[in-house]
């Protein structure tokens, strides 16, 4: 006997609220990640604010650096930030699509049980 609770699919307003919450969490996480990059490139990489923003945005988006970092500490920061950015961008995407995947799997589960 299947012991899983059979709950109906939540209404669309609940789904949309979950989508909005996931979107806000993903945006907050990306802004936090961008802030780390901007501060690091400015203070450690010795770039101007606008150049630090550009570099952090390009790394976080997966495009690669724009400015050449001249000091060793900046290069080390840039290396770790690039590794962090790859993981954080994928994590933010996973947070964003989690409600849609959950609803899809839930719907398939309900269809199979019928």
Protein backbone atom coordinates (compact mmCIF):
# COMPACT_ATOMS: atom_id res chain seq x y z
CA UNK A 1 0.00 0.00 0.00
CA UNK A 2 1.27 3.44 -0.90
CA UNK A 3 1.70 5.55 2.26
CA UNK A 4 2.29 8.84 0.45
CA UNK A 5 -0.31 11.45 1.27
CA UNK A 6 -2.43 12.29 -1.74
CA UNK A 7 -2.83 16.03 -1.74
CA UNK A 8 -4.49 17.88 -4.61
CA UNK A 9 -2.50 20.27 -6.76
CA UNK A 10 -2.37 23.67 -5.02
CA UNK A 11 -4.36 26.50 -6.66
CA UNK A 12 -2.64 28.74 -9.16
CA UNK A 13 -2.48 31.71 -6.77
CA UNK A 14 -0.37 29.59 -4.37
CA UNK A 15 1.85 28.54 -7.27
CA UNK A 16 2.30 32.13 -8.44
CA UNK A 17 3.15 33.24 -4.89
CA UNK A 18 5.79 30.49 -4.70
CA UNK A 19 7.18 31.59 -8.08
CA UNK A 20 7.38 35.19 -6.88
CA UNK A 21 9.08 34.15 -3.64
CA UNK A 22 11.62 32.07 -5.55
CA UNK A 23 12.24 34.95 -7.94
CA UNK A 24 12.86 37.36 -5.06
CA UNK A 25 15.19 34.92 -3.31
CA UNK A 26 17.15 34.32 -6.53
CA UNK A 27 17.46 38.07 -7.21
CA UNK A 28 18.58 38.73 -3.62
CA UNK A 29 21.15 35.95 -3.89
CA UNK A 30 22.48 37.33 -7.19
CA UNK A 31 22.64 40.87 -5.78
CA UNK A 32 24.55 39.54 -2.77
CA UNK A 33 26.95 37.73 -5.11
CA UNK A 34 27.34 40.83 -7.27
CA UNK A 35 28.07 42.93 -4.18
CA UNK A 36 30.83 40.54 -3.14
CA UNK A 37 32.36 40.83 -6.60
CA UNK A 38 32.11 44.61 -6.82
CA UNK A 39 33.66 45.12 -3.38
CA UNK A 40 36.40 42.58 -4.08
CA UNK A 41 37.32 44.01 -7.45
CA UNK A 42 37.29 47.54 -6.06
CA UNK A 43 39.23 47.00 -2.83
CA UNK A 44 41.38 43.98 -3.71
CA UNK A 45 41.67 44.33 -7.48
CA UNK A 46 42.11 48.12 -7.27
CA UNK A 47 39.53 48.86 -9.97
CA UNK A 48 37.26 51.90 -10.12
CA UNK A 49 33.67 51.31 -8.99
CA UNK A 50 32.19 51.16 -12.49
CA UNK A 51 34.93 48.83 -13.71
CA UNK A 52 34.48 46.64 -10.63
CA UNK A 53 30.75 46.44 -11.37
CA UNK A 54 31.42 45.55 -15.00
CA UNK A 55 33.94 42.85 -14.13
CA UNK A 56 31.77 41.35 -11.39
CA UNK A 57 28.72 41.34 -13.67
CA UNK A 58 30.59 39.73 -16.53
CA UNK A 59 32.10 37.03 -14.30
CA UNK A 60 28.78 36.36 -12.57
CA UNK A 61 27.02 36.10 -15.92
CA UNK A 62 29.62 33.66 -17.22
CA UNK A 63 31.14 35.92 -19.87
CA UNK A 64 34.58 36.38 -18.33
CA UNK A 65 36.64 39.31 -17.08
CA UNK A 66 36.96 42.61 -18.90
CA UNK A 67 39.84 44.35 -17.12
CA UNK A 68 43.24 42.86 -16.45
CA UNK A 69 44.02 42.60 -12.75
CA UNK A 70 47.60 43.64 -12.06
CA UNK A 71 48.20 42.69 -8.42
CA UNK A 72 48.50 39.14 -7.07
CA UNK A 73 45.83 39.54 -4.40
CA UNK A 74 43.38 40.72 -7.05
CA UNK A 75 44.20 37.73 -9.24
CA UNK A 76 43.60 35.32 -6.35
CA UNK A 77 40.29 37.05 -5.57
CA UNK A 78 39.31 36.93 -9.22
CA UNK A 79 40.01 33.19 -9.37
CA UNK A 80 37.91 32.39 -6.32
CA UNK A 81 35.14 34.76 -7.38
CA UNK A 82 34.97 33.08 -10.80
CA UNK A 83 34.58 29.66 -9.15
CA UNK A 84 31.99 31.02 -6.71
CA UNK A 85 30.10 32.76 -9.52
CA UNK A 86 29.70 29.62 -11.56
CA UNK A 87 28.10 27.82 -8.65
CA UNK A 88 26.03 30.79 -7.49
CA UNK A 89 24.54 31.47 -10.92
CA UNK A 90 23.46 27.84 -11.27
CA UNK A 91 22.11 27.88 -7.71
CA UNK A 92 20.06 31.00 -8.39
CA UNK A 93 18.63 29.37 -11.51
CA UNK A 94 17.73 26.26 -9.51
CA UNK A 95 16.00 28.40 -6.87
CA UNK A 96 14.11 30.19 -9.63
CA UNK A 97 12.75 27.09 -11.37
CA UNK A 98 12.19 24.92 -8.27
CA UNK A 99 8.46 25.76 -7.89
CA UNK A 100 7.78 25.01 -11.55
CA UNK A 101 9.61 21.67 -11.42
CA UNK A 102 7.87 20.79 -8.15
CA UNK A 103 4.45 21.54 -9.61
CA UNK A 104 5.24 19.61 -12.77
CA UNK A 105 6.37 16.54 -10.82
CA UNK A 106 3.37 16.82 -8.50
CA UNK A 107 1.03 16.99 -11.51
CA UNK A 108 2.66 13.95 -13.11
CA UNK A 109 2.35 12.06 -9.85
CA UNK A 110 -1.35 12.87 -9.66
CA UNK A 111 -1.85 11.81 -13.29
CA UNK A 112 -0.11 8.48 -12.73
CA UNK A 113 -2.23 7.69 -9.68
CA UNK A 114 -5.46 8.18 -11.64
